Amino acid sequence: MMKDCLFIALALLTFGCGSKKESKSESNTSLIDYTIVKVFPHDAKAFTQGLVVEQGNLLESTGQNGTSWIAEVDIVTGKQEKKVELDKQYFGEGITVLNNKIYQLTYKTKIGFIYSKKYEKIGEFKYDREGWGITHNSEDLIASDGTEKLFFLDTITLAVKKTLTVSEKGKAINNLNELEYIDGFIYANVWQTNFIVKINPANGEVVGTLDLTQVAEVVYPGNPNADVLNGIAYEPKSKLLLVTGKLWPAMVAIRLK
């Protein structure tokens, strides 16, 4: 029933999504229009840190003290399958899949984990910053650390090959969190906002903003503990973007116009 109510409420927003500009009135960056396609259930206890679709499978990572995990998620039910729980000392962060390996960051312990497609841990790597979001461009891993910087990592050595500073009209955009690489651009959640920014990887310039304020305001009443928007997964066959948040009771499929 909750899912149906959310869908009805979100559907009413479809024609107006992307049209309100008051929350970004100080910016000249174009808002990206979108339509809401479907609403799926999401585990309201999942403190989402990473989201990715790989060969039709939805993978999610969460981060909470003592309860961090990664898992395949049944999109229809929202339930986790093939679940891997982290040791309690680790606070899980973003995940991505490249070259048949699952890469996962942790928050402040500065250790990343590498898993096989069977969810067996096959390696670790270290870095000298906080771990937030991670994605890839089919060649390099791309990671965020909560600042305005993105780090391009060599997939063999995991060393930083390039650092990109993200800005909008000359102003640095920090709090970059969950990442997704879509059609040559990097999309990033901006922590503690309802915005996803579209970034040109050639120069770090923000070229568009997705404002999901209306979506978030409808979802929040479904769980009084719901936290910020976080989670972007692109499904290339349907060209749908799945978005959710920390402790959100719903995952929303949208199509960018």
Protein backbone atom coordinates (compact mmCIF):
# COMPACT_ATOMS: atom_id res chain seq x y z
CA MET A 1 0.00 0.00 0.00
CA MET A 2 2.80 2.41 0.87
CA LYS A 3 4.46 1.81 -2.49
CA ASP A 4 1.18 2.50 -4.32
CA CYS A 5 0.62 5.70 -2.35
CA LEU A 6 4.15 6.85 -3.09
CA PHE A 7 3.72 6.12 -6.78
CA ILE A 8 0.47 8.08 -6.96
CA ALA A 9 2.03 11.03 -5.16
CA LEU A 10 5.18 10.94 -7.27
CA ALA A 11 3.24 10.54 -10.50
CA LEU A 12 1.46 13.81 -9.78
CA LEU A 13 4.85 15.50 -9.87
CA THR A 14 5.88 14.10 -13.25
CA PHE A 15 4.80 17.03 -15.34
CA GLY A 16 6.47 19.54 -13.07
CA CYS A 17 9.73 17.80 -12.33
CA GLY A 18 12.72 19.94 -13.18
CA SER A 19 10.60 23.04 -13.68
CA LYS A 20 11.01 24.69 -10.27
CA LYS A 21 14.15 26.79 -10.03
CA GLU A 22 13.90 28.60 -6.72
CA SER A 23 16.33 26.23 -4.95
CA LYS A 24 18.98 26.88 -7.61
CA SER A 25 18.01 30.45 -8.50
CA GLU A 26 21.51 31.70 -7.80
CA SER A 27 22.89 29.43 -10.51
CA ASN A 28 22.83 29.63 -14.27
CA THR A 29 23.37 25.92 -14.67
CA SER A 30 20.50 24.30 -16.58
CA LEU A 31 18.18 22.07 -14.62
CA ILE A 32 17.82 18.61 -16.11
CA ASP A 33 14.20 17.65 -16.72
CA TYR A 34 13.04 14.14 -15.92
CA THR A 35 9.95 11.99 -15.74
CA ILE A 36 9.10 9.47 -13.05
CA VAL A 37 8.62 6.00 -14.51
CA LYS A 38 8.16 3.67 -11.56
CA VAL A 39 8.50 3.42 -7.80
CA PHE A 40 10.04 0.33 -6.20
CA PRO A 41 10.24 -0.66 -2.53
CA HIS A 42 13.53 -0.05 -0.74
CA ASP A 43 14.72 -1.35 2.61
CA ALA A 44 14.06 1.53 4.99
CA LYS A 45 16.86 0.22 7.23
CA ALA A 46 19.46 0.47 4.46
CA PHE A 47 21.78 3.45 4.95
CA THR A 48 22.64 3.58 1.26
CA GLN A 49 26.17 4.53 0.25
CA GLY A 50 26.48 3.02 -3.23
CA LEU A 51 24.21 1.77 -5.97
CA VAL A 52 25.03 0.20 -9.32
CA VAL A 53 23.41 -1.92 -12.03
CA GLU A 54 25.68 -4.58 -13.50
CA GLN A 55 24.41 -6.83 -16.29
CA GLY A 56 20.85 -6.42 -15.10
CA ASN A 57 21.64 -7.01 -11.43
CA LEU A 58 21.17 -4.26 -8.85
CA LEU A 59 23.96 -4.01 -6.28
CA GLU A 60 23.77 -1.84 -3.18
CA SER A 61 26.23 -0.98 -0.43
CA THR A 62 25.42 0.48 2.96
CA GLY A 63 27.41 2.09 5.71
CA GLN A 64 26.49 2.21 9.36
CA ASN A 65 28.49 1.51 12.45
CA GLY A 66 28.52 -2.24 12.87
CA THR A 67 26.00 -3.01 10.11
CA SER A 68 27.67 -2.29 6.77
CA TRP A 69 27.00 -4.65 3.87
CA ILE A 70 26.95 -5.09 0.10
CA ALA A 71 24.35 -7.23 -1.64
CA GLU A 72 22.43 -7.93 -4.79
CA VAL A 73 18.95 -6.49 -4.36
CA ASP A 74 15.71 -7.78 -5.84
CA ILE A 75 14.34 -4.64 -7.48
CA VAL A 76 10.75 -5.88 -7.20
CA THR A 77 10.80 -6.62 -3.47
CA GLY A 78 13.75 -4.56 -2.24
CA LYS A 79 15.15 -7.60 -0.42
CA GLN A 80 18.87 -8.40 -0.35
CA GLU A 81 20.42 -11.47 -1.91
CA LYS A 82 24.05 -12.70 -1.99
CA LYS A 83 24.80 -10.47 0.96
CA VAL A 84 28.28 -9.76 2.36
CA GLU A 85 28.56 -8.11 5.77
CA LEU A 86 31.67 -6.13 6.67
CA ASP A 87 33.56 -6.50 9.92
CA LYS A 88 32.21 -4.09 12.52
CA GLN A 89 35.34 -1.94 12.37
CA TYR A 90 34.50 -0.87 8.81
CA PHE A 91 31.95 1.72 7.72
CA GLY A 92 31.07 0.80 4.15
CA GLU A 93 30.85 3.37 1.37
CA GLY A 94 30.49 3.35 -2.43
CA ILE A 95 30.79 0.40 -4.80
CA THR A 96 31.35 -0.11 -8.51
CA VAL A 97 31.97 -3.06 -10.84
CA LEU A 98 34.75 -3.11 -13.44
CA ASN A 99 36.54 -5.97 -15.20
CA ASN A 100 34.42 -8.54 -13.33
CA LYS A 101 35.54 -7.16 -9.97
CA ILE A 102 33.48 -5.36 -7.33
CA TYR A 103 35.33 -2.45 -5.72
CA GLN A 104 34.17 -1.08 -2.38
CA LEU A 105 35.38 1.89 -0.34
CA THR A 106 35.24 2.38 3.42
CA TYR A 107 34.79 5.70 5.15
CA LYS A 108 37.66 6.62 7.47
CA THR A 109 39.69 3.40 7.69
CA LYS A 110 41.26 4.21 4.28
CA ILE A 111 40.94 0.62 3.07
CA GLY A 112 39.09 -0.58 0.00
CA PHE A 113 37.98 -4.12 -0.74
CA ILE A 114 37.88 -6.06 -4.01
CA TYR A 115 35.42 -8.91 -4.52
CA SER A 116 34.83 -11.42 -7.28
CA LYS A 117 31.45 -11.57 -8.98
CA LYS A 118 30.73 -14.41 -6.54
CA TYR A 119 31.19 -11.97 -3.64
CA GLU A 120 34.40 -13.56 -2.47
CA LYS A 121 36.98 -11.07 -1.20
CA ILE A 122 40.04 -11.29 -3.46
CA GLY A 123 42.00 -8.21 -2.46
CA GLU A 124 42.40 -4.95 -0.55
CA PHE A 125 43.85 -1.56 -1.36
CA LYS A 126 44.79 1.52 0.66
CA TYR A 127 44.28 5.24 0.05
CA ASP A 128 45.18 8.38 2.00
CA ARG A 129 41.80 10.12 2.14
CA GLU A 130 38.24 9.39 3.17
CA GLY A 131 36.23 7.03 0.99
CA TRP A 132 32.85 8.27 -0.27
CA GLY A 133 31.62 7.39 -3.78
CA ILE A 134 33.16 5.37 -6.61
CA THR A 135 32.40 4.69 -10.28
CA HIS A 136 34.40 4.11 -13.45
CA ASN A 137 34.70 5.21 -17.07
CA SER A 138 35.57 1.70 -18.36
CA GLU A 139 39.27 2.57 -18.05
CA ASP A 140 39.86 4.15 -14.63
CA LEU A 141 38.11 3.98 -11.30
CA ILE A 142 36.79 7.38 -10.20
CA ALA A 143 36.41 8.12 -6.49
CA SER A 144 35.19 10.98 -4.31
CA ASP A 145 36.22 11.92 -0.77
CA GLY A 146 33.56 14.43 0.24
CA THR A 147 35.46 17.43 -1.08
CA GLU A 148 35.30 19.11 -4.50
CA LYS A 149 37.85 16.65 -5.88
CA LEU A 150 37.47 13.45 -7.90
CA PHE A 151 40.32 10.95 -8.12
CA PHE A 152 41.01 8.80 -11.19
CA LEU A 153 42.64 5.54 -10.10
CA ASP A 154 44.69 3.05 -12.06
CA THR A 155 42.86 -0.29 -11.99
CA ILE A 156 46.06 -2.29 -11.53
CA THR A 157 47.99 -0.27 -8.94
CA LEU A 158 44.99 1.64 -7.52
CA ALA A 159 47.26 4.71 -7.51
CA VAL A 160 45.88 8.14 -8.35
CA LYS A 161 46.47 8.98 -12.02
CA LYS A 162 44.64 12.30 -12.08
CA THR A 163 42.80 14.62 -9.71
CA LEU A 164 39.85 16.63 -11.02
CA THR A 165 38.43 19.70 -9.24
CA VAL A 166 34.69 20.12 -9.75
CA SER A 167 33.31 23.64 -10.07
CA GLU A 168 30.26 25.53 -11.27
CA LYS A 169 30.89 28.92 -12.85
CA GLY A 170 34.21 29.13 -11.02
CA LYS A 171 32.83 28.08 -7.62
CA ALA A 172 34.05 24.79 -6.19
CA ILE A 173 31.32 22.20 -5.57
CA ASN A 174 32.21 20.14 -2.51
CA ASN A 175 30.47 17.33 -0.65
CA LEU A 176 30.57 15.15 -3.77
CA ASN A 177 29.31 11.74 -2.71
CA GLU A 178 27.82 8.78 -4.63
CA LEU A 179 28.95 8.67 -8.27
CA GLU A 180 27.72 7.23 -11.56
CA TYR A 181 29.30 7.50 -15.01
CA ILE A 182 26.67 7.93 -17.74
CA ASP A 183 27.27 8.54 -21.45
CA GLY A 184 30.57 10.34 -20.98
CA PHE A 185 29.61 12.39 -17.90
CA ILE A 186 30.02 11.88 -14.16
CA TYR A 187 26.88 12.27 -12.06
CA ALA A 188 27.39 12.97 -8.36
CA ASN A 189 25.09 13.28 -5.36
CA VAL A 190 25.84 16.46 -3.45
CA TRP A 191 25.68 15.39 0.18
CA GLN A 192 22.98 16.96 2.36
CA THR A 193 21.12 18.31 -0.68
CA ASN A 194 18.55 16.92 -3.10
CA PHE A 195 20.80 17.70 -6.06
CA ILE A 196 22.70 15.46 -8.45
CA VAL A 197 25.24 17.34 -10.56
CA LYS A 198 26.35 16.37 -14.06
CA ILE A 199 30.09 16.86 -14.47
CA ASN A 200 32.24 17.15 -17.58
CA PRO A 201 35.20 14.84 -16.83
CA ALA A 202 37.45 16.80 -19.20
CA ASN A 203 37.49 19.96 -17.07
CA GLY A 204 35.40 19.32 -13.95
CA GLU A 205 32.73 21.84 -14.93
CA VAL A 206 29.16 21.21 -13.79
CA VAL A 207 27.02 21.29 -16.92
CA GLY A 208 23.63 20.43 -15.42
CA THR A 209 21.78 19.79 -12.17
CA LEU A 210 19.09 17.27 -11.37
CA ASP A 211 16.82 18.64 -8.63
CA LEU A 212 15.01 15.83 -6.79
CA THR A 213 13.58 17.98 -4.02
CA GLN A 214 10.00 17.20 -4.95
CA VAL A 215 10.69 13.46 -5.04
CA ALA A 216 12.41 13.55 -1.65
CA GLU A 217 9.60 15.52 -0.02
CA VAL A 218 7.08 12.87 -1.07
CA VAL A 219 9.29 9.94 0.00
CA TYR A 220 10.25 11.27 3.45
CA PRO A 221 6.82 10.77 5.10
CA GLY A 222 7.08 7.04 4.29
CA ASN A 223 9.79 6.74 6.95
CA PRO A 224 10.20 9.36 9.69
CA ASN A 225 13.88 8.38 9.93
CA ALA A 226 14.57 8.90 6.22
CA ASP A 227 17.86 10.69 5.60
CA VAL A 228 19.45 12.40 2.61
CA LEU A 229 19.28 11.51 -1.07
CA ASN A 230 22.12 9.14 -1.97
CA GLY A 231 22.28 6.46 -4.62
CA ILE A 232 22.48 6.61 -8.41
CA ALA A 233 22.36 3.58 -10.71
CA TYR A 234 21.97 3.71 -14.49
CA GLU A 235 20.43 0.85 -16.47
CA PRO A 236 21.69 1.30 -20.06
CA LYS A 237 19.14 -0.93 -21.84
CA SER A 238 16.09 0.91 -20.53
CA LYS A 239 18.01 4.18 -20.07
CA LEU A 240 16.45 4.51 -16.63
CA LEU A 241 18.14 6.10 -13.66
CA LEU A 242 17.44 4.55 -10.26
CA VAL A 243 17.71 6.95 -7.33
CA THR A 244 17.20 6.43 -3.62
CA GLY A 245 18.45 7.70 -0.28
CA LYS A 246 19.68 6.69 3.12
CA LEU A 247 16.84 4.92 4.96
CA TRP A 248 14.44 5.72 2.12
CA PRO A 249 11.40 3.44 1.86
CA ALA A 250 11.39 3.78 -1.92
CA MET A 251 13.66 3.58 -4.95
CA VAL A 252 12.51 5.74 -7.85
CA ALA A 253 13.15 5.02 -11.53
CA ILE A 254 13.34 8.18 -13.60
CA ARG A 255 14.08 8.95 -17.24
CA LEU A 256 16.12 12.02 -18.09
CA LYS A 257 14.69 14.18 -20.86
